[in-house]
């Protein structure tokens, strides 16, 4: 019963927000901000990043709430926005890590085989189609499941599996050359 009341209250708040009532949006933020933060914290494992991502999500929600046609779809819609913001942060972090690794590895005069392998993998990933490289990074570097990657990429899990298979095949072929 409480869940039904909560859903009805959220839908009522959404409608009031879409009508331009600021107090309704403040109440909506109060009701959802903590949930978003906890989700982002669990996903990113970084408090500051979770705060930033939550704020970005709330900004996006405030900008596009008027486009939401079904107030009952708000939870799914808003968490999808939040997930996209988390993915954006993860992608940015992956790029930053790759740049740092490249900068750390370049000055070394005596490059080890392991360092050469890392550089080769980064170079190979850069040559791949960005969708394939992203799937490889999310799967291997971020340890995301096939289903999570499917939700993020907005494709069926079977498509993620086939792209992962194809990307592995391309990587192996490139490594053999």
N, C-alpha and C. Protein backbone atom coordinates (compact mmCIF):
# COMPACT_ATOMS: atom_id res chain seq x y z
N UNK A 1 0.83 -1.20 0.00
CA UNK A 1 0.00 0.00 0.00
C UNK A 1 0.87 1.25 0.00
N UNK A 2 1.93 1.23 0.82
CA UNK A 2 2.81 2.40 0.90
C UNK A 2 3.48 2.67 -0.44
N UNK A 3 3.87 1.58 -1.12
CA UNK A 3 4.51 1.73 -2.43
C UNK A 3 3.57 2.40 -3.43
N UNK A 4 2.31 2.03 -3.39
CA UNK A 4 1.32 2.64 -4.28
C UNK A 4 1.14 4.12 -3.96
N UNK A 5 1.11 4.44 -2.67
CA UNK A 5 1.00 5.85 -2.26
C UNK A 5 2.21 6.64 -2.73
N UNK A 6 3.40 6.05 -2.58
CA UNK A 6 4.64 6.72 -2.98
C UNK A 6 4.66 6.96 -4.49
N UNK A 7 4.26 5.95 -5.25
CA UNK A 7 4.23 6.11 -6.70
C UNK A 7 3.23 7.18 -7.12
N UNK A 8 2.07 7.18 -6.49
CA UNK A 8 1.06 8.20 -6.81
C UNK A 8 1.56 9.59 -6.46
N UNK A 9 2.22 9.71 -5.30
CA UNK A 9 2.77 11.00 -4.89
C UNK A 9 3.83 11.48 -5.88
N UNK A 10 4.71 10.57 -6.32
CA UNK A 10 5.74 10.91 -7.31
C UNK A 10 5.11 11.37 -8.62
N UNK A 11 4.08 10.67 -9.07
CA UNK A 11 3.42 11.06 -10.32
C UNK A 11 2.78 12.44 -10.18
N UNK A 12 2.19 12.70 -9.03
CA UNK A 12 1.58 14.00 -8.78
C UNK A 12 2.65 15.09 -8.80
N UNK A 13 3.81 14.81 -8.17
CA UNK A 13 4.91 15.77 -8.18
C UNK A 13 5.41 16.04 -9.60
N UNK A 14 5.52 15.00 -10.39
CA UNK A 14 6.00 15.13 -11.77
C UNK A 14 5.05 16.05 -12.55
N UNK A 15 3.76 15.81 -12.43
CA UNK A 15 2.78 16.63 -13.15
C UNK A 15 2.89 18.09 -12.70
N UNK A 16 3.03 18.30 -11.40
CA UNK A 16 3.18 19.68 -10.90
C UNK A 16 4.48 20.30 -11.42
N UNK A 17 5.54 19.53 -11.48
CA UNK A 17 6.82 20.03 -12.02
C UNK A 17 6.65 20.42 -13.48
N UNK A 18 5.96 19.59 -14.23
CA UNK A 18 5.75 19.87 -15.65
C UNK A 18 4.88 21.11 -15.86
N UNK A 19 4.10 21.45 -14.85
CA UNK A 19 3.29 22.66 -14.91
C UNK A 19 4.08 23.89 -14.47
N UNK A 20 5.33 23.68 -14.05
CA UNK A 20 6.21 24.79 -13.72
C UNK A 20 6.29 25.16 -12.26
N UNK A 21 5.82 24.34 -11.37
CA UNK A 21 5.87 24.65 -9.94
C UNK A 21 7.23 24.29 -9.36
N UNK A 22 7.94 25.30 -8.88
CA UNK A 22 9.29 25.10 -8.34
C UNK A 22 9.29 24.28 -7.05
N UNK A 23 8.29 24.50 -6.22
CA UNK A 23 8.22 23.76 -4.95
C UNK A 23 8.09 22.26 -5.20
N UNK A 24 7.38 21.92 -6.25
CA UNK A 24 7.21 20.50 -6.58
C UNK A 24 8.55 19.90 -7.00
N UNK A 25 9.35 20.66 -7.75
CA UNK A 25 10.65 20.13 -8.16
C UNK A 25 11.57 19.98 -6.95
N UNK A 26 11.51 20.92 -6.02
CA UNK A 26 12.31 20.82 -4.80
C UNK A 26 11.93 19.56 -4.03
N UNK A 27 10.64 19.29 -3.92
CA UNK A 27 10.17 18.09 -3.23
C UNK A 27 10.61 16.83 -3.98
N UNK A 28 10.57 16.89 -5.30
CA UNK A 28 11.00 15.74 -6.11
C UNK A 28 12.48 15.46 -5.90
N UNK A 29 13.28 16.50 -5.89
CA UNK A 29 14.72 16.35 -5.65
C UNK A 29 14.97 15.75 -4.27
N UNK A 30 14.26 16.24 -3.27
CA UNK A 30 14.42 15.70 -1.91
C UNK A 30 14.07 14.22 -1.86
N UNK A 31 13.04 13.84 -2.59
CA UNK A 31 12.59 12.44 -2.59
C UNK A 31 13.55 11.50 -3.31
N UNK A 32 14.28 12.00 -4.31
CA UNK A 32 15.08 11.12 -5.16
C UNK A 32 16.58 11.31 -5.06
N UNK A 33 17.04 12.43 -4.58
CA UNK A 33 18.48 12.73 -4.61
C UNK A 33 19.31 11.67 -3.89
N UNK A 34 18.89 11.26 -2.72
CA UNK A 34 19.65 10.26 -1.96
C UNK A 34 19.71 8.93 -2.72
N UNK A 35 18.62 8.53 -3.34
CA UNK A 35 18.61 7.28 -4.12
C UNK A 35 19.62 7.35 -5.27
N UNK A 36 19.61 8.49 -5.95
CA UNK A 36 20.54 8.67 -7.06
C UNK A 36 21.98 8.62 -6.57
N UNK A 37 22.24 9.31 -5.46
CA UNK A 37 23.60 9.35 -4.92
C UNK A 37 24.06 7.94 -4.55
N UNK A 38 23.23 7.18 -3.86
CA UNK A 38 23.61 5.83 -3.45
C UNK A 38 23.85 4.92 -4.65
N UNK A 39 23.02 5.07 -5.67
CA UNK A 39 23.21 4.29 -6.89
C UNK A 39 24.55 4.65 -7.54
N UNK A 40 24.81 5.95 -7.68
CA UNK A 40 26.05 6.40 -8.30
C UNK A 40 27.26 5.98 -7.47
N UNK A 41 27.14 6.06 -6.16
CA UNK A 41 28.24 5.65 -5.28
C UNK A 41 28.53 4.17 -5.44
N UNK A 42 27.50 3.37 -5.50
CA UNK A 42 27.68 1.94 -5.71
C UNK A 42 28.30 1.65 -7.07
N UNK A 43 27.89 2.39 -8.06
CA UNK A 43 28.36 2.18 -9.43
C UNK A 43 29.79 2.67 -9.65
N UNK A 44 30.12 3.84 -9.06
CA UNK A 44 31.41 4.47 -9.33
C UNK A 44 32.46 4.24 -8.25
N UNK A 45 31.98 3.90 -7.05
CA UNK A 45 32.87 3.66 -5.90
C UNK A 45 33.77 4.86 -5.60
N UNK A 46 33.22 6.05 -5.74
CA UNK A 46 33.96 7.28 -5.48
C UNK A 46 32.93 8.33 -5.03
N UNK A 47 33.08 8.79 -3.78
CA UNK A 47 32.09 9.72 -3.21
C UNK A 47 31.97 11.02 -4.00
N UNK A 48 33.09 11.63 -4.31
CA UNK A 48 33.06 12.90 -5.04
C UNK A 48 32.47 12.73 -6.43
N UNK A 49 32.86 11.67 -7.09
CA UNK A 49 32.31 11.40 -8.42
C UNK A 49 30.81 11.16 -8.34
N UNK A 50 30.38 10.44 -7.32
CA UNK A 50 28.95 10.16 -7.14
C UNK A 50 28.18 11.46 -6.92
N UNK A 51 28.75 12.37 -6.15
CA UNK A 51 28.09 13.67 -5.94
C UNK A 51 27.98 14.44 -7.25
N UNK A 52 29.08 14.49 -8.00
CA UNK A 52 29.08 15.21 -9.28
C UNK A 52 28.09 14.60 -10.27
N UNK A 53 28.10 13.29 -10.36
CA UNK A 53 27.21 12.60 -11.30
C UNK A 53 25.75 12.81 -10.89
N UNK A 54 25.48 12.78 -9.60
CA UNK A 54 24.12 13.01 -9.12
C UNK A 54 23.65 14.41 -9.50
N UNK A 55 24.52 15.39 -9.32
CA UNK A 55 24.16 16.76 -9.69
C UNK A 55 23.92 16.89 -11.19
N UNK A 56 24.78 16.28 -11.99
CA UNK A 56 24.58 16.29 -13.44
C UNK A 56 23.24 15.65 -13.82
N UNK A 57 22.94 14.55 -13.17
CA UNK A 57 21.69 13.85 -13.43
C UNK A 57 20.50 14.75 -13.10
N UNK A 58 20.54 15.39 -11.94
CA UNK A 58 19.43 16.26 -11.54
C UNK A 58 19.27 17.43 -12.50
N UNK A 59 20.39 17.95 -12.99
CA UNK A 59 20.31 19.03 -13.99
C UNK A 59 19.64 18.53 -15.27
N UNK A 60 20.04 17.37 -15.72
CA UNK A 60 19.45 16.80 -16.93
C UNK A 60 17.95 16.54 -16.75
N UNK A 61 17.60 16.03 -15.58
CA UNK A 61 16.20 15.76 -15.30
C UNK A 61 15.40 17.07 -15.31
N UNK A 62 15.96 18.11 -14.69
CA UNK A 62 15.23 19.38 -14.64
C UNK A 62 15.05 19.97 -16.03
N UNK A 63 16.03 19.78 -16.90
CA UNK A 63 15.94 20.32 -18.25
C UNK A 63 14.95 19.56 -19.14
N UNK A 64 14.85 18.26 -18.93
CA UNK A 64 14.05 17.46 -19.85
C UNK A 64 12.80 16.85 -19.23
N UNK A 65 12.46 17.25 -18.02
CA UNK A 65 11.27 16.69 -17.37
C UNK A 65 10.00 16.99 -18.16
N UNK A 66 9.97 18.09 -18.84
CA UNK A 66 8.81 18.45 -19.64
C UNK A 66 8.55 17.50 -20.80
N UNK A 67 9.58 16.78 -21.23
CA UNK A 67 9.43 15.84 -22.35
C UNK A 67 8.91 14.47 -21.91
N UNK A 68 8.88 14.24 -20.61
CA UNK A 68 8.40 12.95 -20.10
C UNK A 68 6.89 12.88 -20.27
N UNK A 69 6.43 11.95 -21.10
CA UNK A 69 5.00 11.88 -21.39
C UNK A 69 4.21 11.09 -20.36
N UNK A 70 4.84 10.13 -19.70
CA UNK A 70 4.15 9.29 -18.73
C UNK A 70 4.81 9.46 -17.35
N UNK A 71 4.18 10.17 -16.44
CA UNK A 71 4.77 10.36 -15.11
C UNK A 71 5.07 9.05 -14.37
N UNK A 72 4.34 7.99 -14.69
CA UNK A 72 4.59 6.69 -14.05
C UNK A 72 5.94 6.11 -14.48
N UNK A 73 6.45 6.56 -15.61
CA UNK A 73 7.73 6.06 -16.13
C UNK A 73 8.93 6.81 -15.55
N UNK A 74 8.69 7.75 -14.66
CA UNK A 74 9.76 8.58 -14.12
C UNK A 74 10.92 7.78 -13.52
N UNK A 75 10.66 6.80 -12.64
CA UNK A 75 11.81 6.08 -12.04
C UNK A 75 12.74 5.47 -13.08
N UNK A 76 12.18 4.75 -14.03
CA UNK A 76 13.00 4.10 -15.07
C UNK A 76 13.72 5.16 -15.91
N UNK A 77 12.99 6.17 -16.31
CA UNK A 77 13.52 7.26 -17.12
C UNK A 77 14.66 7.98 -16.40
N UNK A 78 14.45 8.30 -15.14
CA UNK A 78 15.47 9.06 -14.40
C UNK A 78 16.71 8.21 -14.10
N UNK A 79 16.51 6.94 -13.79
CA UNK A 79 17.67 6.09 -13.52
C UNK A 79 18.45 5.81 -14.81
N UNK A 80 17.78 5.84 -15.92
CA UNK A 80 18.48 5.69 -17.20
C UNK A 80 19.38 6.90 -17.44
N UNK A 81 18.88 8.09 -17.11
CA UNK A 81 19.69 9.30 -17.22
C UNK A 81 20.89 9.18 -16.29
N UNK A 82 20.63 8.74 -15.07
CA UNK A 82 21.71 8.58 -14.09
C UNK A 82 22.75 7.57 -14.58
N UNK A 83 22.30 6.47 -15.13
CA UNK A 83 23.23 5.46 -15.65
C UNK A 83 24.09 6.03 -16.77
N UNK A 84 23.48 6.81 -17.63
CA UNK A 84 24.25 7.45 -18.71
C UNK A 84 25.32 8.38 -18.15
N UNK A 85 24.98 9.12 -17.12
CA UNK A 85 25.96 10.02 -16.49
C UNK A 85 27.10 9.20 -15.86
N UNK A 86 26.76 8.08 -15.25
CA UNK A 86 27.79 7.21 -14.67
C UNK A 86 28.71 6.68 -15.76
N UNK A 87 28.13 6.27 -16.88
CA UNK A 87 28.92 5.76 -17.99
C UNK A 87 29.83 6.85 -18.54
N UNK A 88 29.30 8.05 -18.67
CA UNK A 88 30.13 9.17 -19.14
C UNK A 88 31.32 9.37 -18.22
N UNK A 89 31.08 9.30 -16.92
CA UNK A 89 32.17 9.48 -15.96
C UNK A 89 33.19 8.33 -16.09
N UNK A 90 32.69 7.11 -16.23
CA UNK A 90 33.59 5.96 -16.37
C UNK A 90 34.43 6.07 -17.64
N UNK A 91 33.81 6.49 -18.73
CA UNK A 91 34.55 6.65 -19.98
C UNK A 91 35.63 7.71 -19.83
N UNK A 92 35.28 8.80 -19.20
CA UNK A 92 36.25 9.87 -18.97
C UNK A 92 37.40 9.36 -18.11
N UNK A 93 37.09 8.59 -17.10
CA UNK A 93 38.12 8.04 -16.22
C UNK A 93 39.01 7.06 -16.97
N UNK A 94 38.42 6.25 -17.82
CA UNK A 94 39.21 5.29 -18.60
C UNK A 94 40.18 6.04 -19.50
N UNK A 95 39.69 7.10 -20.16
CA UNK A 95 40.57 7.90 -21.03
C UNK A 95 41.69 8.54 -20.23
N UNK A 96 41.35 9.08 -19.07
CA UNK A 96 42.38 9.72 -18.24
C UNK A 96 43.42 8.71 -17.79
N UNK A 97 42.96 7.51 -17.38
CA UNK A 97 43.91 6.47 -16.97
C UNK A 97 44.83 6.08 -18.12
N UNK A 98 44.27 5.96 -19.31
CA UNK A 98 45.07 5.59 -20.48
C UNK A 98 46.12 6.66 -20.77
N UNK A 99 45.72 7.93 -20.67
CA UNK A 99 46.67 9.01 -20.89
C UNK A 99 47.78 9.01 -19.85
N UNK A 100 47.40 8.79 -18.60
CA UNK A 100 48.40 8.74 -17.53
C UNK A 100 49.37 7.58 -17.76
N UNK A 101 48.84 6.43 -18.14
CA UNK A 101 49.70 5.28 -18.40
C UNK A 101 50.64 5.56 -19.56
N UNK A 102 50.15 6.19 -20.60
CA UNK A 102 51.00 6.51 -21.73
C UNK A 102 52.09 7.49 -21.33
N UNK A 103 51.74 8.49 -20.54
CA UNK A 103 52.72 9.48 -20.10
C UNK A 103 53.75 8.85 -19.17
N UNK A 104 53.32 7.93 -18.31
CA UNK A 104 54.25 7.26 -17.41
C UNK A 104 55.18 6.32 -18.16
N UNK A 105 54.68 5.70 -19.21
CA UNK A 105 55.46 4.70 -19.94
C UNK A 105 56.41 5.30 -20.96
N UNK A 106 56.12 6.45 -21.49
CA UNK A 106 56.94 7.02 -22.55
C UNK A 106 58.37 7.38 -22.12
N UNK A 107 58.60 8.01 -20.97
CA UNK A 107 59.96 8.42 -20.63
C UNK A 107 60.93 7.26 -20.36
N UNK A 108 60.41 6.08 -20.05
CA UNK A 108 61.29 4.96 -19.73
C UNK A 108 62.13 4.59 -20.95
N UNK A 109 63.43 4.51 -20.74
CA UNK A 109 64.32 4.10 -21.82
C UNK A 109 64.30 2.59 -21.97
N UNK A 110 64.38 1.88 -20.85
CA UNK A 110 64.33 0.43 -20.87
C UNK A 110 62.90 -0.04 -20.75
N UNK A 111 62.21 -0.18 -21.88
CA UNK A 111 60.81 -0.57 -21.85
C UNK A 111 60.72 -2.09 -21.73
N UNK A 112 59.94 -2.54 -20.75
CA UNK A 112 59.79 -3.98 -20.53
C UNK A 112 58.77 -4.54 -21.51
N UNK A 113 58.74 -5.86 -21.60
CA UNK A 113 57.77 -6.51 -22.48
C UNK A 113 56.35 -6.20 -22.05
N UNK A 114 56.11 -6.15 -20.72
CA UNK A 114 54.78 -5.87 -20.19
C UNK A 114 54.32 -4.47 -20.61
N UNK A 115 55.21 -3.50 -20.54
CA UNK A 115 54.88 -2.13 -20.94
C UNK A 115 54.58 -2.07 -22.42
N UNK A 116 55.38 -2.77 -23.21
CA UNK A 116 55.14 -2.80 -24.65
C UNK A 116 53.78 -3.42 -24.96
N UNK A 117 53.43 -4.47 -24.22
CA UNK A 117 52.13 -5.10 -24.41
C UNK A 117 51.00 -4.13 -24.10
N UNK A 118 51.14 -3.38 -23.01
CA UNK A 118 50.11 -2.41 -22.64
C UNK A 118 49.97 -1.34 -23.71
N UNK A 119 51.10 -0.86 -24.21
CA UNK A 119 51.06 0.15 -25.26
C UNK A 119 50.41 -0.42 -26.52
N UNK A 120 50.76 -1.66 -26.86
CA UNK A 120 50.18 -2.30 -28.03
C UNK A 120 48.67 -2.45 -27.88
N UNK A 121 48.21 -2.87 -26.70
CA UNK A 121 46.78 -3.04 -26.47
C UNK A 121 46.07 -1.70 -26.61
N UNK A 122 46.62 -0.65 -26.02
CA UNK A 122 46.01 0.68 -26.14
C UNK A 122 45.97 1.13 -27.61
N UNK A 123 47.05 0.85 -28.35
CA UNK A 123 47.08 1.21 -29.76
C UNK A 123 46.04 0.41 -30.55
N UNK A 124 45.93 -0.87 -30.22
CA UNK A 124 44.95 -1.72 -30.90
C UNK A 124 43.53 -1.25 -30.60
N UNK A 125 43.27 -0.91 -29.35
CA UNK A 125 41.94 -0.42 -28.98
C UNK A 125 41.62 0.87 -29.72
N UNK A 126 42.63 1.72 -29.88
CA UNK A 126 42.42 2.98 -30.58
C UNK A 126 42.08 2.75 -32.05
N UNK A 127 42.56 1.65 -32.62
CA UNK A 127 42.29 1.35 -34.03
C UNK A 127 40.92 0.72 -34.25
N UNK A 128 40.36 0.13 -33.19
CA UNK A 128 39.06 -0.52 -33.31
C UNK A 128 37.94 0.52 -33.41
N UNK A 129 36.82 0.07 -33.94
CA UNK A 129 35.60 0.88 -33.93
C UNK A 129 35.31 1.26 -32.47
N UNK A 130 34.88 2.48 -32.24
CA UNK A 130 34.69 2.97 -30.87
C UNK A 130 33.67 2.13 -30.10
N UNK A 131 32.64 1.60 -30.77
CA UNK A 131 31.66 0.75 -30.08
C UNK A 131 32.30 -0.53 -29.58
N UNK A 132 33.17 -1.13 -30.42
CA UNK A 132 33.84 -2.36 -30.01
C UNK A 132 34.84 -2.10 -28.89
N UNK A 133 35.60 -1.02 -29.01
CA UNK A 133 36.57 -0.69 -27.97
C UNK A 133 35.87 -0.40 -26.66
N UNK A 134 34.74 0.28 -26.71
CA UNK A 134 33.99 0.59 -25.49
C UNK A 134 33.51 -0.68 -24.82
N UNK A 135 32.99 -1.60 -25.60
CA UNK A 135 32.51 -2.86 -25.03
C UNK A 135 33.66 -3.64 -24.39
N UNK A 136 34.80 -3.69 -25.05
CA UNK A 136 35.96 -4.37 -24.47
C UNK A 136 36.39 -3.72 -23.16
N UNK A 137 36.44 -2.39 -23.15
CA UNK A 137 36.86 -1.68 -21.94
C UNK A 137 35.87 -1.89 -20.80
N UNK A 138 34.58 -1.80 -21.11
CA UNK A 138 33.58 -1.98 -20.06
C UNK A 138 33.60 -3.41 -19.51
N UNK A 139 33.81 -4.37 -20.40
CA UNK A 139 33.80 -5.76 -19.98
C UNK A 139 35.07 -6.13 -19.20
N UNK A 140 36.23 -5.77 -19.74
CA UNK A 140 37.48 -6.20 -19.13
C UNK A 140 38.04 -5.21 -18.10
N UNK A 141 37.95 -3.93 -18.37
CA UNK A 141 38.53 -2.96 -17.43
C UNK A 141 37.57 -2.59 -16.31
N UNK A 142 36.28 -2.50 -16.63
CA UNK A 142 35.30 -2.10 -15.62
C UNK A 142 34.53 -3.29 -15.05
N UNK A 143 34.78 -4.47 -15.56
CA UNK A 143 34.16 -5.70 -15.08
C UNK A 143 32.63 -5.64 -15.05
N UNK A 144 32.05 -5.04 -16.07
CA UNK A 144 30.60 -4.99 -16.16
C UNK A 144 30.08 -6.26 -16.82
N UNK A 145 28.88 -6.66 -16.47
CA UNK A 145 28.29 -7.86 -17.06
C UNK A 145 27.75 -7.55 -18.46
N UNK A 146 27.45 -8.61 -19.18
CA UNK A 146 26.88 -8.47 -20.52
C UNK A 146 25.57 -7.68 -20.44
N UNK A 147 24.73 -8.01 -19.46
CA UNK A 147 23.44 -7.32 -19.32
C UNK A 147 23.62 -5.84 -19.01
N UNK A 148 24.58 -5.51 -18.16
CA UNK A 148 24.84 -4.09 -17.83
C UNK A 148 25.31 -3.34 -19.07
N UNK A 149 26.21 -3.95 -19.81
CA UNK A 149 26.71 -3.31 -21.03
C UNK A 149 25.57 -3.14 -22.04
N UNK A 150 24.67 -4.13 -22.10
CA UNK A 150 23.53 -4.04 -23.01
C UNK A 150 22.63 -2.86 -22.64
N UNK A 151 22.38 -2.68 -21.35
CA UNK A 151 21.56 -1.55 -20.92
C UNK A 151 22.24 -0.23 -21.24
N UNK A 152 23.53 -0.17 -20.99
CA UNK A 152 24.28 1.05 -21.23
C UNK A 152 24.30 1.39 -22.72
N UNK A 153 24.54 0.38 -23.53
CA UNK A 153 24.66 0.58 -24.98
C UNK A 153 23.31 0.66 -25.68
N UNK A 154 22.26 0.31 -24.94
CA UNK A 154 20.92 0.32 -25.49
C UNK A 154 20.79 -0.66 -26.67
N UNK A 155 21.39 -1.84 -26.48
CA UNK A 155 21.28 -2.92 -27.46
C UNK A 155 20.96 -4.21 -26.71
N UNK A 156 20.46 -5.23 -27.40
CA UNK A 156 20.19 -6.51 -26.74
C UNK A 156 21.48 -7.19 -26.27
N UNK A 157 21.38 -8.02 -25.21
CA UNK A 157 22.57 -8.73 -24.73
C UNK A 157 23.25 -9.59 -25.80
N UNK A 158 22.48 -10.16 -26.71
CA UNK A 158 23.06 -10.95 -27.79
C UNK A 158 23.96 -10.12 -28.69
N UNK A 159 23.58 -8.88 -28.91
CA UNK A 159 24.40 -7.97 -29.72
C UNK A 159 25.71 -7.67 -29.00
N UNK A 160 25.63 -7.48 -27.69
CA UNK A 160 26.85 -7.23 -26.91
C UNK A 160 27.77 -8.44 -27.00
N UNK A 161 27.21 -9.64 -26.88
CA UNK A 161 28.01 -10.86 -26.97
C UNK A 161 28.69 -10.98 -28.33
N UNK A 162 27.94 -10.71 -29.39
CA UNK A 162 28.53 -10.84 -30.73
C UNK A 162 29.59 -9.78 -30.96
N UNK A 163 29.36 -8.55 -30.47
CA UNK A 163 30.37 -7.50 -30.62
C UNK A 163 31.61 -7.83 -29.80
N UNK A 164 31.41 -8.39 -28.62
CA UNK A 164 32.54 -8.78 -27.79
C UNK A 164 33.34 -9.89 -28.49
N UNK A 165 32.65 -10.86 -29.05
CA UNK A 165 33.32 -11.94 -29.79
C UNK A 165 34.10 -11.37 -30.98
N UNK A 166 33.45 -10.49 -31.74
CA UNK A 166 34.06 -9.90 -32.92
C UNK A 166 35.27 -9.04 -32.53
N UNK A 167 35.14 -8.27 -31.46
CA UNK A 167 36.24 -7.42 -31.00
C UNK A 167 37.43 -8.26 -30.55
N UNK A 168 37.17 -9.36 -29.84
CA UNK A 168 38.25 -10.27 -29.43
C UNK A 168 38.95 -10.85 -30.65
N UNK A 169 38.15 -11.24 -31.63
CA UNK A 169 38.70 -11.82 -32.85
C UNK A 169 39.61 -10.81 -33.57
N UNK A 170 39.16 -9.56 -33.67
CA UNK A 170 39.96 -8.51 -34.30
C UNK A 170 41.25 -8.26 -33.52
N UNK A 171 41.14 -8.25 -32.20
CA UNK A 171 42.33 -8.04 -31.36
C UNK A 171 43.34 -9.17 -31.56
N UNK A 172 42.86 -10.39 -31.59
CA UNK A 172 43.76 -11.54 -31.79
C UNK A 172 44.42 -11.48 -33.16
N UNK A 173 43.67 -11.13 -34.17
CA UNK A 173 44.21 -11.03 -35.51
C UNK A 173 45.27 -9.93 -35.58
N UNK A 174 45.00 -8.81 -34.96
CA UNK A 174 45.95 -7.70 -34.95
C UNK A 174 47.21 -8.05 -34.15
N UNK A 175 47.08 -8.81 -33.10
CA UNK A 175 48.23 -9.20 -32.30
C UNK A 175 49.13 -10.19 -33.03
N UNK A 176 48.51 -11.02 -33.87
CA UNK A 176 49.29 -12.00 -34.63
C UNK A 176 50.13 -11.35 -35.72
N UNK A 177 49.70 -10.16 -36.17
CA UNK A 177 50.42 -9.49 -37.27
C UNK A 177 51.69 -8.86 -36.82
